[in-house]
Each structure stands twice: as structure tokens, then as C-alpha cells.
C-alpha atoms as a PDB file:
ATOM      1  CA  MET A   1     -29.016  30.540  19.012  1.00  0.00           C
ATOM      2  CA  ASN A   2     -28.172  28.000  21.763  1.00  0.00           C
ATOM      3  CA  GLY A   3     -24.967  27.029  19.958  1.00  0.00           C
ATOM      4  CA  GLY A   4     -23.314  30.177  21.325  1.00  0.00           C
ATOM      5  CA  ARG A   5     -24.147  29.195  24.905  1.00  0.00           C
ATOM      6  CA  PHE A   6     -22.326  25.850  24.598  1.00  0.00           C
ATOM      7  CA  GLY A   7     -19.207  27.403  23.136  1.00  0.00           C
ATOM      8  CA  HIS A   8     -17.749  28.111  26.561  1.00  0.00           C
ATOM      9  CA  ILE A   9     -18.439  24.520  27.677  1.00  0.00           C
ATOM     10  CA  LEU A  10     -16.973  22.830  24.610  1.00  0.00           C
ATOM     11  CA  SER A  11     -13.727  24.732  24.804  1.00  0.00           C
ATOM     12  CA  PRO A  12     -12.850  23.490  28.337  1.00  0.00           C
ATOM     13  CA  MET A  13     -14.063  20.005  27.351  1.00  0.00           C
ATOM     14  CA  LYS A  14     -11.780  20.013  24.312  1.00  0.00           C
ATOM     15  CA  LYS A  15      -8.913  21.136  26.505  1.00  0.00           C
ATOM     16  CA  ALA A  16      -9.659  18.402  29.033  1.00  0.00           C
ATOM     17  CA  CYS A  17      -9.829  15.774  26.275  1.00  0.00           C
ATOM     18  CA  LEU A  18      -6.549  16.923  24.802  1.00  0.00           C
ATOM     19  CA  ALA A  19      -4.935  16.902  28.254  1.00  0.00           C
ATOM     20  CA  LEU A  20      -6.286  13.389  28.858  1.00  0.00           C
ATOM     21  CA  ILE A  21      -4.958  12.143  25.513  1.00  0.00           C
ATOM     22  CA  ALA A  22      -1.550  13.709  26.190  1.00  0.00           C
ATOM     23  CA  GLY A  23      -1.505  12.116  29.637  1.00  0.00           C
ATOM     24  CA  ILE A  24      -2.338   8.698  28.208  1.00  0.00           C
ATOM     25  CA  LEU A  25       0.425   9.032  25.619  1.00  0.00           C
ATOM     26  CA  LEU A  26       2.936  10.045  28.293  1.00  0.00           C
ATOM     27  CA  PHE A  27       1.801   7.184  30.508  1.00  0.00           C
ATOM     28  CA  ALA A  28       2.176   4.695  27.641  1.00  0.00           C
ATOM     29  CA  SER A  29       5.688   5.970  27.013  1.00  0.00           C
ATOM     30  CA  ALA A  30       6.517   5.769  30.726  1.00  0.00           C
ATOM     31  CA  ALA A  31       5.076   2.254  30.920  1.00  0.00           C
ATOM     32  CA  SER A  32       7.379   1.057  28.147  1.00  0.00           C
ATOM     33  CA  ALA A  33      10.339   2.643  29.936  1.00  0.00           C
ATOM     34  CA  GLN A  34       9.245   0.872  33.129  1.00  0.00           C
ATOM     35  CA  ASP A  35       9.032  -2.449  31.256  1.00  0.00           C
ATOM     36  CA  TYR A  36      12.516  -1.836  29.870  1.00  0.00           C
ATOM     37  CA  ASP A  37      13.925  -0.889  33.282  1.00  0.00           C
ATOM     38  CA  GLY A  38      12.188  -3.891  34.815  1.00  0.00           C
ATOM     39  CA  ALA A  39      13.667  -6.196  32.178  1.00  0.00           C
ATOM     40  CA  LEU A  40      17.173  -4.889  32.877  1.00  0.00           C
ATOM     41  CA  LYS A  41      16.682  -5.340  36.632  1.00  0.00           C
ATOM     42  CA  ALA A  42      15.330  -8.887  36.139  1.00  0.00           C
ATOM     43  CA  ALA A  43      18.263  -9.773  33.880  1.00  0.00           C
ATOM     44  CA  LYS A  44      20.757  -8.584  36.471  1.00  0.00           C
ATOM     45  CA  ARG A  45      18.907 -10.311  39.323  1.00  0.00           C
ATOM     46  CA  ASP A  46      18.500 -13.635  37.457  1.00  0.00           C
ATOM     47  CA  ASN A  47      21.837 -13.426  35.598  1.00  0.00           C
ATOM     48  CA  LYS A  48      20.120 -13.904  32.222  1.00  0.00           C
ATOM     49  CA  PRO A  49      20.767 -12.260  28.873  1.00  0.00           C
ATOM     50  CA  VAL A  50      18.129  -9.917  27.462  1.00  0.00           C
ATOM     51  CA  LEU A  51      16.401 -10.116  24.100  1.00  0.00           C
ATOM     52  CA  LEU A  52      14.804  -6.855  23.004  1.00  0.00           C
ATOM     53  CA  TYR A  53      12.592  -7.743  20.069  1.00  0.00           C
ATOM     54  CA  PHE A  54      11.553  -4.637  18.115  1.00  0.00           C
ATOM     55  CA  TYR A  55       8.526  -5.067  15.860  1.00  0.00           C
ATOM     56  CA  SER A  56       5.729  -3.180  14.183  1.00  0.00           C
ATOM     57  CA  ARG A  57       2.169  -4.398  13.771  1.00  0.00           C
ATOM     58  CA  ALA A  58       2.261  -3.170  10.160  1.00  0.00           C
ATOM     59  CA  CYS A  59       5.406  -5.186   9.331  1.00  0.00           C
ATOM     60  CA  TYR A  60       4.967  -8.279   7.146  1.00  0.00           C
ATOM     61  CA  TYR A  61       8.270  -9.838   8.258  1.00  0.00           C
ATOM     62  CA  CYS A  62       7.414  -9.218  11.913  1.00  0.00           C
ATOM     63  CA  ARG A  63       4.234 -11.252  11.451  1.00  0.00           C
ATOM     64  CA  LEU A  64       6.311 -14.017   9.828  1.00  0.00           C
ATOM     65  CA  MET A  65       8.800 -13.901  12.693  1.00  0.00           C
ATOM     66  CA  ASP A  66       5.953 -14.079  15.226  1.00  0.00           C
ATOM     67  CA  GLY A  67       4.126 -16.879  13.421  1.00  0.00           C
ATOM     68  CA  ASN A  68       7.086 -19.032  12.392  1.00  0.00           C
ATOM     69  CA  THR A  69      10.099 -18.309  14.583  1.00  0.00           C
ATOM     70  CA  LEU A  70       8.851 -17.007  17.919  1.00  0.00           C
ATOM     71  CA  ALA A  71       5.905 -19.424  17.902  1.00  0.00           C
ATOM     72  CA  ASP A  72       8.325 -22.381  17.682  1.00  0.00           C
ATOM     73  CA  LYS A  73       7.899 -24.432  20.891  1.00  0.00           C
ATOM     74  CA  GLU A  74      11.638 -24.897  21.428  1.00  0.00           C
ATOM     75  CA  ILE A  75      12.362 -21.206  20.945  1.00  0.00           C
ATOM     76  CA  ASP A  76       9.467 -20.184  23.181  1.00  0.00           C
ATOM     77  CA  ALA A  77      10.757 -22.509  25.932  1.00  0.00           C
ATOM     78  CA  MET A  78      14.309 -21.122  25.608  1.00  0.00           C
ATOM     79  CA  LEU A  79      13.075 -17.542  25.793  1.00  0.00           C
ATOM     80  CA  LYS A  80      11.023 -18.253  28.911  1.00  0.00           C
ATOM     81  CA  LYS A  81      13.738 -20.249  30.680  1.00  0.00           C
ATOM     82  CA  ASP A  82      17.029 -18.670  29.638  1.00  0.00           C
ATOM     83  CA  PHE A  83      16.313 -15.045  28.662  1.00  0.00           C
ATOM     84  CA  VAL A  84      14.581 -11.912  29.769  1.00  0.00           C
ATOM     85  CA  TYR A  85      12.459 -11.312  26.693  1.00  0.00           C
ATOM     86  CA  LEU A  86      10.878  -7.953  25.957  1.00  0.00           C
ATOM     87  CA  ARG A  87       8.723  -7.232  22.895  1.00  0.00           C
ATOM     88  CA  ILE A  88       8.829  -3.574  21.872  1.00  0.00           C
ATOM     89  CA  ASP A  89       6.324  -2.088  19.440  1.00  0.00           C
ATOM     90  CA  VAL A  90       8.345   0.652  17.701  1.00  0.00           C
ATOM     91  CA  ASP A  91       5.148   2.501  16.811  1.00  0.00           C
ATOM     92  CA  ARG A  92       4.333   2.912  20.504  1.00  0.00           C
ATOM     93  CA  SER A  93       7.801   2.999  22.111  1.00  0.00           C
ATOM     94  CA  THR A  94       9.549   5.443  19.850  1.00  0.00           C
ATOM     95  CA  ASP A  95      11.939   6.385  22.665  1.00  0.00           C
ATOM     96  CA  LEU A  96      13.401   2.854  22.823  1.00  0.00           C
ATOM     97  CA  GLY A  97      13.454   2.640  19.029  1.00  0.00           C
ATOM     98  CA  ARG A  98      15.547   5.810  18.944  1.00  0.00           C
ATOM     99  CA  LEU A  99      17.788   4.637  21.802  1.00  0.00           C
ATOM    100  CA  TYR A 100      18.666   1.469  19.871  1.00  0.00           C
ATOM    101  CA  ARG A 101      18.639   3.230  16.489  1.00  0.00           C
ATOM    102  CA  ILE A 102      16.054   0.914  14.982  1.00  0.00           C
ATOM    103  CA  SER A 103      15.740   1.685  11.292  1.00  0.00           C
ATOM    104  CA  GLY A 104      13.633  -1.325  10.318  1.00  0.00           C
ATOM    105  CA  THR A 105      11.712  -4.179  11.819  1.00  0.00           C
ATOM    106  CA  PRO A 106      11.929  -6.849  12.964  1.00  0.00           C
ATOM    107  CA  SER A 107      15.124  -6.268  14.868  1.00  0.00           C
ATOM    108  CA  SER A 108      16.551  -8.363  17.696  1.00  0.00           C
ATOM    109  CA  TRP A 109      18.927  -6.762  20.187  1.00  0.00           C
ATOM    110  CA  PHE A 110      20.790  -8.993  22.625  1.00  0.00           C
ATOM    111  CA  LEU A 111      22.186  -7.640  25.891  1.00  0.00           C
ATOM    112  CA  GLU A 112      24.279  -9.210  28.620  1.00  0.00           C
ATOM    113  CA  SER A 113      22.667  -9.518  32.047  1.00  0.00           C
ATOM    114  CA  SER A 114      24.506  -6.315  32.985  1.00  0.00           C
ATOM    115  CA  GLY A 115      22.707  -4.477  30.169  1.00  0.00           C
ATOM    116  CA  LYS A 116      25.841  -4.237  28.013  1.00  0.00           C
ATOM    117  CA  PRO A 117      24.921  -4.690  24.328  1.00  0.00           C
ATOM    118  CA  ILE A 118      26.060  -7.908  22.662  1.00  0.00           C
ATOM    119  CA  GLY A 119      24.682  -6.965  19.267  1.00  0.00           C
ATOM    120  CA  GLU A 120      21.773  -6.503  16.932  1.00  0.00           C
ATOM    121  CA  ILE A 121      20.439  -8.871  14.318  1.00  0.00           C
ATOM    122  CA  PRO A 122      18.095  -7.020  11.982  1.00  0.00           C
ATOM    123  CA  GLY A 123      15.454  -8.668   9.859  1.00  0.00           C
ATOM    124  CA  TYR A 124      13.558 -11.923   9.760  1.00  0.00           C
ATOM    125  CA  ILE A 125      15.400 -14.946  11.177  1.00  0.00           C
ATOM    126  CA  ALA A 126      14.245 -18.488  10.445  1.00  0.00           C
ATOM    127  CA  ALA A 127      13.571 -20.675  13.488  1.00  0.00           C
ATOM    128  CA  LYS A 128      16.542 -22.986  12.849  1.00  0.00           C
ATOM    129  CA  ASN A 129      18.993 -20.066  12.817  1.00  0.00           C
ATOM    130  CA  PHE A 130      17.286 -18.200  15.652  1.00  0.00           C
ATOM    131  CA  ARG A 131      17.582 -21.276  17.880  1.00  0.00           C
ATOM    132  CA  ARG A 132      21.323 -21.398  17.177  1.00  0.00           C
ATOM    133  CA  ILE A 133      21.641 -17.664  17.899  1.00  0.00           C
ATOM    134  CA  LEU A 134      19.889 -18.133  21.250  1.00  0.00           C
ATOM    135  CA  GLU A 135      22.295 -20.968  22.096  1.00  0.00           C
ATOM    136  CA  TYR A 136      25.230 -18.730  21.120  1.00  0.00           C
ATOM    137  CA  VAL A 137      24.060 -15.899  23.372  1.00  0.00           C
ATOM    138  CA  LYS A 138      22.982 -18.159  26.250  1.00  0.00           C
ATOM    139  CA  GLY A 139      26.379 -19.901  26.242  1.00  0.00           C
ATOM    140  CA  LYS A 140      28.222 -16.550  26.102  1.00  0.00           C
ATOM    141  CA  LEU A 141      30.053 -17.849  23.049  1.00  0.00           C
ATOM    142  CA  TYR A 142      30.349 -14.262  21.777  1.00  0.00           C
ATOM    143  CA  ASN A 143      33.367 -14.047  24.127  1.00  0.00           C
ATOM    144  CA  GLN A 144      35.089 -16.786  22.094  1.00  0.00           C
ATOM    145  CA  MET A 145      34.057 -16.219  18.465  1.00  0.00           C
ATOM    146  CA  ASP A 146      31.900 -14.016  16.307  1.00  0.00           C
ATOM    147  CA  LEU A 147      28.408 -15.116  15.341  1.00  0.00           C
ATOM    148  CA  SER A 148      29.179 -15.882  11.693  1.00  0.00           C
ATOM    149  CA  ALA A 149      32.011 -18.238  12.730  1.00  0.00           C
ATOM    150  CA  TYR A 150      29.693 -19.946  15.224  1.00  0.00           C
ATOM    151  CA  LEU A 151      26.909 -20.362  12.669  1.00  0.00           C
ATOM    152  CA  LYS A 152      29.354 -21.745  10.122  1.00  0.00           C
ATOM    153  CA  LYS A 153      30.838 -24.128  12.679  1.00  0.00           C
ATOM    154  CA  THR A 154      27.448 -25.388  13.905  1.00  0.00           C
ATOM    155  CA  SER A 155      25.997 -25.779  10.414  1.00  0.00           C
ATOM    156  CA  SER A 156      28.926 -27.961   9.303  1.00  0.00           C
ATOM    157  CA  ALA A 157      28.688 -30.063  12.490  1.00  0.00           C
ATOM    158  CA  LYS A 158      25.104 -31.128  11.732  1.00  0.00           C
END
């Protein structure tokens, strides 16, 4: 009998909860756009290239990349010193995933300090190769040769 009396209260509460959830989702999306915009501004200000690292928490190879490659002390130091590094969870930032046409994770997008794309490297990258890729981008060697030529040249030099 009292259940009918609470019907008018639950309906506005449900609406308020749905509005709150929608607001949180919009805020989360806006926050990722702000992080992205902030990264581009920092890159321009500091004259550093950008690494947009797209990952998913459900991705096995992303966990390998995090645990093996990105956890490498040398790579971590290079990312902190020489790059503007932004991690993007494609499950939360679907707008950026669509913008960069991410079809699988992990995926590493490199941008010049101006925001101009240098290129994408999809998939897991071992620490040894990732270090060489960071050196290639940091040194702006993409203006002189393509990545495969650089990797071939540096692997034969060692």
C-alpha cells in the first residue's frame, strides 16, 4: 500500500541519478580532452615531441608493454625528460580513440611539438626497440630516413 506513495519520489530520484551519471561521463570525456589539449600546449611550450600511448585495461599486450617496456628505467627517464607523454585508456576516451583511428591496443602515436603527426606504431614493442624509436623521434631523424631504415642501421651498428 505504501509502495504507491514512494513511486513519485523514486521517479525523480532515478532521473537525478541518471542525470548525475550522464554528467560524470561527460566530465570524464571532457577531462581527457583537457589532458590532450594540455599535452599539446606543453609540447609546443617545451618544444618536445608527444607520445600518445593508447591502451586498454583488458589488453594482455598492454599489460606486457606496461610491465616490460614502459617500466624500463631508461625508457621512463627518456619519457619524463624528452617527451610529453600521455596515456589514453581507449575504453574511457573513445573520442581520442576515434580521432586517431585506434583499431587495437597497445598503440603508440608520435607527434611533433606542433601537434603534427609523425606516425603510429601499433602493437607491443620490446624495450630495446622502443628505446631506439624514442631516440629516432627525439632526434627528429624521421626528417632524414624512415623508421625501418633507422632500425636496420642502428641494429647493424651494435
